Amino acid sequence: MSNSYRVDDRGVLNNFAVEPKMYVEETQKAGFTPYAELLNGRLAMIGFVSLLILEFSSGHGLIWWLANV
């Protein structure tokens, strides 16, 4: 286990001597990534199928539901 402080050669305590390790992730997490596109497509399919089930079960479409609720 490493200490979060250091003592220099004169015996002076230096709390700021330990720096965090820097790293850069090579993969992109935002924007048009394959994962984002896959998730967007799946959610769009779920919404479309839900809309079809609503129309077939009630006999009315989305516009009717939005206008009369």
PDB file of N, CA and C in Angstrom:
ATOM      1  N   MET A   1       0.849  -1.181   0.000  1.00  0.00           N
ATOM      2  CA  MET A   1       0.000   0.000   0.000  1.00  0.00           C
ATOM      3  C   MET A   1       0.890   1.238   0.000  1.00  0.00           C
ATOM      4  N   SER A   2       0.657   2.150  -0.902  1.00  0.00           N
ATOM      5  CA  SER A   2       1.495   3.336  -0.991  1.00  0.00           C
ATOM      6  C   SER A   2       0.893   4.464  -0.161  1.00  0.00           C
ATOM      7  N   ASN A   3       1.770   5.304   0.336  1.00  0.00           N
ATOM      8  CA  ASN A   3       1.325   6.463   1.104  1.00  0.00           C
ATOM      9  C   ASN A   3       0.905   7.563   0.157  1.00  0.00           C
ATOM     10  N   SER A   4       0.029   8.427   0.633  1.00  0.00           N
ATOM     11  CA  SER A   4      -0.393   9.545  -0.194  1.00  0.00           C
ATOM     12  C   SER A   4       0.426  10.789   0.114  1.00  0.00           C
ATOM     13  N   TYR A   5       1.565  10.615   0.755  1.00  0.00           N
ATOM     14  CA  TYR A   5       2.448  11.734   1.047  1.00  0.00           C
ATOM     15  C   TYR A   5       3.896  11.294   0.866  1.00  0.00           C
ATOM     16  N   ARG A   6       4.773  12.264   0.703  1.00  0.00           N
ATOM     17  CA  ARG A   6       6.199  11.988   0.543  1.00  0.00           C
ATOM     18  C   ARG A   6       6.989  12.918   1.466  1.00  0.00           C
ATOM     19  N   VAL A   7       8.124  12.439   1.885  1.00  0.00           N
ATOM     20  CA  VAL A   7       9.050  13.251   2.673  1.00  0.00           C
ATOM     21  C   VAL A   7      10.316  13.404   1.843  1.00  0.00           C
ATOM     22  N   ASP A   8      10.763  14.650   1.657  1.00  0.00           N
ATOM     23  CA  ASP A   8      11.961  14.861   0.846  1.00  0.00           C
ATOM     24  C   ASP A   8      13.220  14.609   1.673  1.00  0.00           C
ATOM     25  N   ASP A   9      14.403  14.875   1.079  1.00  0.00           N
ATOM     26  CA  ASP A   9      15.674  14.568   1.742  1.00  0.00           C
ATOM     27  C   ASP A   9      15.930  15.429   2.979  1.00  0.00           C
ATOM     28  N   ARG A  10      15.251  16.555   3.115  1.00  0.00           N
ATOM     29  CA  ARG A  10      15.405  17.396   4.299  1.00  0.00           C
ATOM     30  C   ARG A  10      14.404  17.031   5.394  1.00  0.00           C
ATOM     31  N   GLY A  11      13.514  16.065   5.114  1.00  0.00           N
ATOM     32  CA  GLY A  11      12.520  15.658   6.103  1.00  0.00           C
ATOM     33  C   GLY A  11      11.257  16.490   6.069  1.00  0.00           C
ATOM     34  N   VAL A  12      11.089  17.281   5.005  1.00  0.00           N
ATOM     35  CA  VAL A  12       9.910  18.136   4.879  1.00  0.00           C
ATOM     36  C   VAL A  12       8.797  17.337   4.210  1.00  0.00           C
ATOM     37  N   LEU A  13       7.613  17.430   4.779  1.00  0.00           N
ATOM     38  CA  LEU A  13       6.457  16.711   4.254  1.00  0.00           C
ATOM     39  C   LEU A  13       5.944  17.399   2.994  1.00  0.00           C
ATOM     40  N   ASN A  14       5.722  16.635   1.948  1.00  0.00           N
ATOM     41  CA  ASN A  14       5.221  17.175   0.689  1.00  0.00           C
ATOM     42  C   ASN A  14       3.965  16.395   0.315  1.00  0.00           C
ATOM     43  N   ASN A  15       2.800  16.974   0.571  1.00  0.00           N
ATOM     44  CA  ASN A  15       1.529  16.306   0.286  1.00  0.00           C
ATOM     45  C   ASN A  15       1.216  16.245  -1.204  1.00  0.00           C
ATOM     46  N   PHE A  16       1.820  17.090  -1.997  1.00  0.00           N
ATOM     47  CA  PHE A  16       1.469  17.198  -3.406  1.00  0.00           C
ATOM     48  C   PHE A  16       2.429  16.443  -4.315  1.00  0.00           C
ATOM     49  N   ALA A  17       3.249  15.591  -3.763  1.00  0.00           N
ATOM     50  CA  ALA A  17       4.254  14.905  -4.570  1.00  0.00           C
ATOM     51  C   ALA A  17       3.677  13.745  -5.369  1.00  0.00           C
ATOM     52  N   VAL A  18       2.580  13.141  -4.917  1.00  0.00           N
ATOM     53  CA  VAL A  18       2.019  11.980  -5.601  1.00  0.00           C
ATOM     54  C   VAL A  18       1.024  12.473  -6.646  1.00  0.00           C
ATOM     55  N   GLU A  19       1.328  12.244  -7.895  1.00  0.00           N
ATOM     56  CA  GLU A  19       0.446  12.668  -8.975  1.00  0.00           C
ATOM     57  C   GLU A  19      -0.297  11.462  -9.521  1.00  0.00           C
ATOM     58  N   PRO A  20      -1.535  11.652  -9.933  1.00  0.00           N
ATOM     59  CA  PRO A  20      -2.267  10.523 -10.520  1.00  0.00           C
ATOM     60  C   PRO A  20      -1.690  10.163 -11.885  1.00  0.00           C
ATOM     61  N   LYS A  21      -1.784   8.903 -12.238  1.00  0.00           N
ATOM     62  CA  LYS A  21      -1.293   8.462 -13.541  1.00  0.00           C
ATOM     63  C   LYS A  21      -2.252   8.945 -14.624  1.00  0.00           C
ATOM     64  N   MET A  22      -1.695   9.498 -15.674  1.00  0.00           N
ATOM     65  CA  MET A  22      -2.494  10.010 -16.779  1.00  0.00           C
ATOM     66  C   MET A  22      -2.697   8.908 -17.808  1.00  0.00           C
ATOM     67  N   TYR A  23      -3.876   8.836 -18.346  1.00  0.00           N
ATOM     68  CA  TYR A  23      -4.149   7.879 -19.406  1.00  0.00           C
ATOM     69  C   TYR A  23      -5.174   8.473 -20.359  1.00  0.00           C
ATOM     70  N   VAL A  24      -5.144   8.004 -21.579  1.00  0.00           N
ATOM     71  CA  VAL A  24      -6.074   8.453 -22.609  1.00  0.00           C
ATOM     72  C   VAL A  24      -6.732   7.219 -23.190  1.00  0.00           C
ATOM     73  N   GLU A  25      -8.054   7.219 -23.201  1.00  0.00           N
ATOM     74  CA  GLU A  25      -8.764   6.089 -23.794  1.00  0.00           C
ATOM     75  C   GLU A  25      -8.813   6.267 -25.308  1.00  0.00           C
ATOM     76  N   GLU A  26      -8.495   5.222 -26.007  1.00  0.00           N
ATOM     77  CA  GLU A  26      -8.450   5.284 -27.466  1.00  0.00           C
ATOM     78  C   GLU A  26      -9.839   5.201 -28.087  1.00  0.00           C
ATOM     79  N   THR A  27     -10.787   4.594 -27.372  1.00  0.00           N
ATOM     80  CA  THR A  27     -12.122   4.436 -27.939  1.00  0.00           C
ATOM     81  C   THR A  27     -12.940   5.694 -27.707  1.00  0.00           C
ATOM     82  N   GLN A  28     -13.735   6.021 -28.697  1.00  0.00           N
ATOM     83  CA  GLN A  28     -14.584   7.191 -28.621  1.00  0.00           C
ATOM     84  C   GLN A  28     -15.881   6.825 -27.903  1.00  0.00           C
ATOM     85  N   LYS A  29     -16.310   7.624 -26.933  1.00  0.00           N
ATOM     86  CA  LYS A  29     -17.502   7.322 -26.145  1.00  0.00           C
ATOM     87  C   LYS A  29     -18.698   8.185 -26.541  1.00  0.00           C
ATOM     88  N   ALA A  30     -18.496   9.232 -27.307  1.00  0.00           N
ATOM     89  CA  ALA A  30     -19.589  10.124 -27.670  1.00  0.00           C
ATOM     90  C   ALA A  30     -19.664  10.238 -29.187  1.00  0.00           C
ATOM     91  N   GLY A  31     -20.813  10.656 -29.669  1.00  0.00           N
ATOM     92  CA  GLY A  31     -20.984  10.835 -31.101  1.00  0.00           C
ATOM     93  C   GLY A  31     -21.534   9.600 -31.777  1.00  0.00           C
ATOM     94  N   PHE A  32     -21.232   9.437 -33.028  1.00  0.00           N
ATOM     95  CA  PHE A  32     -21.755   8.343 -33.835  1.00  0.00           C
ATOM     96  C   PHE A  32     -20.892   7.093 -33.685  1.00  0.00           C
ATOM     97  N   THR A  33     -20.891   6.521 -32.514  1.00  0.00           N
ATOM     98  CA  THR A  33     -20.151   5.285 -32.278  1.00  0.00           C
ATOM     99  C   THR A  33     -21.037   4.101 -32.645  1.00  0.00           C
ATOM    100  N   PRO A  34     -20.457   2.959 -32.926  1.00  0.00           N
ATOM    101  CA  PRO A  34     -21.277   1.781 -33.242  1.00  0.00           C
ATOM    102  C   PRO A  34     -22.235   1.406 -32.112  1.00  0.00           C
ATOM    103  N   TYR A  35     -21.798   1.561 -30.862  1.00  0.00           N
ATOM    104  CA  TYR A  35     -22.681   1.231 -29.738  1.00  0.00           C
ATOM    105  C   TYR A  35     -23.878   2.183 -29.684  1.00  0.00           C
ATOM    106  N   ALA A  36     -23.647   3.477 -29.897  1.00  0.00           N
ATOM    107  CA  ALA A  36     -24.736   4.446 -29.867  1.00  0.00           C
ATOM    108  C   ALA A  36     -25.728   4.185 -30.993  1.00  0.00           C
ATOM    109  N   GLU A  37     -25.231   3.852 -32.163  1.00  0.00           N
ATOM    110  CA  GLU A  37     -26.116   3.572 -33.290  1.00  0.00           C
ATOM    111  C   GLU A  37     -26.920   2.299 -33.057  1.00  0.00           C
ATOM    112  N   LEU A  38     -26.301   1.285 -32.473  1.00  0.00           N
ATOM    113  CA  LEU A  38     -27.002   0.041 -32.170  1.00  0.00           C
ATOM    114  C   LEU A  38     -28.104   0.278 -31.143  1.00  0.00           C
ATOM    115  N   LEU A  39     -27.802   1.024 -30.097  1.00  0.00           N
ATOM    116  CA  LEU A  39     -28.797   1.333 -29.069  1.00  0.00           C
ATOM    117  C   LEU A  39     -29.930   2.172 -29.647  1.00  0.00           C
ATOM    118  N   ASN A  40     -29.608   3.148 -30.473  1.00  0.00           N
ATOM    119  CA  ASN A  40     -30.623   3.986 -31.095  1.00  0.00           C
ATOM    120  C   ASN A  40     -31.540   3.155 -31.983  1.00  0.00           C
ATOM    121  N   GLY A  41     -30.993   2.241 -32.747  1.00  0.00           N
ATOM    122  CA  GLY A  41     -31.806   1.383 -33.603  1.00  0.00           C
ATOM    123  C   GLY A  41     -32.722   0.477 -32.807  1.00  0.00           C
ATOM    124  N   ARG A  42     -32.212  -0.082 -31.718  1.00  0.00           N
ATOM    125  CA  ARG A  42     -33.040  -0.963 -30.886  1.00  0.00           C
ATOM    126  C   ARG A  42     -34.177  -0.195 -30.227  1.00  0.00           C
ATOM    127  N   LEU A  43     -33.890   0.988 -29.717  1.00  0.00           N
ATOM    128  CA  LEU A  43     -34.948   1.786 -29.093  1.00  0.00           C
ATOM    129  C   LEU A  43     -35.984   2.244 -30.119  1.00  0.00           C
ATOM    130  N   ALA A  44     -35.548   2.543 -31.336  1.00  0.00           N
ATOM    131  CA  ALA A  44     -36.491   2.918 -32.388  1.00  0.00           C
ATOM    132  C   ALA A  44     -37.391   1.744 -32.756  1.00  0.00           C
ATOM    133  N   MET A  45     -36.842   0.536 -32.808  1.00  0.00           N
ATOM    134  CA  MET A  45     -37.663  -0.646 -33.105  1.00  0.00           C
ATOM    135  C   MET A  45     -38.673  -0.904 -31.995  1.00  0.00           C
ATOM    136  N   ILE A  46     -38.261  -0.734 -30.743  1.00  0.00           N
ATOM    137  CA  ILE A  46     -39.188  -0.923 -29.623  1.00  0.00           C
ATOM    138  C   ILE A  46     -40.316   0.098 -29.696  1.00  0.00           C
ATOM    139  N   GLY A  47     -40.004   1.347 -30.001  1.00  0.00           N
ATOM    140  CA  GLY A  47     -41.026   2.381 -30.131  1.00  0.00           C
ATOM    141  C   GLY A  47     -41.973   2.116 -31.284  1.00  0.00           C
ATOM    142  N   PHE A  48     -41.447   1.679 -32.408  1.00  0.00           N
ATOM    143  CA  PHE A  48     -42.290   1.412 -33.571  1.00  0.00           C
ATOM    144  C   PHE A  48     -43.232   0.242 -33.319  1.00  0.00           C
ATOM    145  N   VAL A  49     -42.722  -0.830 -32.723  1.00  0.00           N
ATOM    146  CA  VAL A  49     -43.569  -1.988 -32.419  1.00  0.00           C
ATOM    147  C   VAL A  49     -44.616  -1.615 -31.373  1.00  0.00           C
ATOM    148  N   SER A  50     -44.250  -0.792 -30.398  1.00  0.00           N
ATOM    149  CA  SER A  50     -45.219  -0.335 -29.401  1.00  0.00           C
ATOM    150  C   SER A  50     -46.327   0.481 -30.055  1.00  0.00           C
ATOM    151  N   LEU A  51     -45.970   1.307 -31.013  1.00  0.00           N
ATOM    152  CA  LEU A  51     -46.968   2.097 -31.732  1.00  0.00           C
ATOM    153  C   LEU A  51     -47.895   1.200 -32.544  1.00  0.00           C
ATOM    154  N   LEU A  52     -47.361   0.175 -33.193  1.00  0.00           N
ATOM    155  CA  LEU A  52     -48.203  -0.764 -33.937  1.00  0.00           C
ATOM    156  C   LEU A  52     -49.159  -1.512 -33.010  1.00  0.00           C
ATOM    157  N   ILE A  53     -48.676  -1.940 -31.850  1.00  0.00           N
ATOM    158  CA  ILE A  53     -49.537  -2.631 -30.886  1.00  0.00           C
ATOM    159  C   ILE A  53     -50.640  -1.700 -30.401  1.00  0.00           C
ATOM    160  N   LEU A  54     -50.322  -0.435 -30.162  1.00  0.00           N
ATOM    161  CA  LEU A  54     -51.327   0.542 -29.742  1.00  0.00           C
ATOM    162  C   LEU A  54     -52.393   0.723 -30.814  1.00  0.00           C
ATOM    163  N   GLU A  55     -51.983   0.830 -32.066  1.00  0.00           N
ATOM    164  CA  GLU A  55     -52.948   1.014 -33.147  1.00  0.00           C
ATOM    165  C   GLU A  55     -53.844  -0.205 -33.323  1.00  0.00           C
ATOM    166  N   PHE A  56     -53.279  -1.395 -33.310  1.00  0.00           N
ATOM    167  CA  PHE A  56     -54.083  -2.597 -33.524  1.00  0.00           C
ATOM    168  C   PHE A  56     -54.988  -2.900 -32.339  1.00  0.00           C
ATOM    169  N   SER A  57     -54.550  -2.592 -31.127  1.00  0.00           N
ATOM    170  CA  SER A  57     -55.377  -2.903 -29.959  1.00  0.00           C
ATOM    171  C   SER A  57     -56.495  -1.897 -29.751  1.00  0.00           C
ATOM    172  N   SER A  58     -56.306  -0.642 -30.142  1.00  0.00           N
ATOM    173  CA  SER A  58     -57.331   0.377 -29.894  1.00  0.00           C
ATOM    174  C   SER A  58     -58.135   0.741 -31.139  1.00  0.00           C
ATOM    175  N   GLY A  59     -57.595   0.517 -32.296  1.00  0.00           N
ATOM    176  CA  GLY A  59     -58.280   0.909 -33.522  1.00  0.00           C
ATOM    177  C   GLY A  59     -58.023   2.357 -33.909  1.00  0.00           C
ATOM    178  N   HIS A  60     -57.245   3.060 -33.129  1.00  0.00           N
ATOM    179  CA  HIS A  60     -56.910   4.459 -33.411  1.00  0.00           C
ATOM    180  C   HIS A  60     -55.397   4.608 -33.440  1.00  0.00           C
ATOM    181  N   GLY A  61     -54.950   5.621 -34.168  1.00  0.00           N
ATOM    182  CA  GLY A  61     -53.520   5.850 -34.287  1.00  0.00           C
ATOM    183  C   GLY A  61     -52.985   6.808 -33.239  1.00  0.00           C
ATOM    184  N   LEU A  62     -51.711   7.115 -33.362  1.00  0.00           N
ATOM    185  CA  LEU A  62     -51.041   7.989 -32.407  1.00  0.00           C
ATOM    186  C   LEU A  62     -51.607   9.399 -32.454  1.00  0.00           C
ATOM    187  N   ILE A  63     -51.921   9.907 -33.633  1.00  0.00           N
ATOM    188  CA  ILE A  63     -52.454  11.264 -33.763  1.00  0.00           C
ATOM    189  C   ILE A  63     -53.790  11.381 -33.039  1.00  0.00           C
ATOM    190  N   TRP A  64     -54.640  10.361 -33.144  1.00  0.00           N
ATOM    191  CA  TRP A  64     -55.921  10.375 -32.441  1.00  0.00           C
ATOM    192  C   TRP A  64     -55.695  10.396 -30.931  1.00  0.00           C
ATOM    193  N   TRP A  65     -54.757   9.590 -30.451  1.00  0.00           N
ATOM    194  CA  TRP A  65     -54.467   9.560 -29.014  1.00  0.00           C
ATOM    195  C   TRP A  65     -53.953  10.908 -28.527  1.00  0.00           C
ATOM    196  N   LEU A  66     -53.098  11.542 -29.293  1.00  0.00           N
ATOM    197  CA  LEU A  66     -52.550  12.834 -28.882  1.00  0.00           C
ATOM    198  C   LEU A  66     -53.595  13.942 -28.942  1.00  0.00           C
ATOM    199  N   ALA A  67     -54.530  13.861 -29.894  1.00  0.00           N
ATOM    200  CA  ALA A  67     -55.545  14.902 -30.038  1.00  0.00           C
ATOM    201  C   ALA A  67     -56.667  14.762 -29.017  1.00  0.00           C
ATOM    202  N   ASN A  68     -56.971  13.556 -28.558  1.00  0.00           N
ATOM    203  CA  ASN A  68     -58.136  13.343 -27.702  1.00  0.00           C
ATOM    204  C   ASN A  68     -57.803  13.038 -26.245  1.00  0.00           C
ATOM    205  N   VAL A  69     -56.581  13.073 -25.866  1.00  0.00           N
ATOM    206  CA  VAL A  69     -56.258  12.779 -24.457  1.00  0.00           C
ATOM    207  C   VAL A  69     -56.044  14.047 -23.694  1.00  0.00           C
TER     208      VAL A  69
END
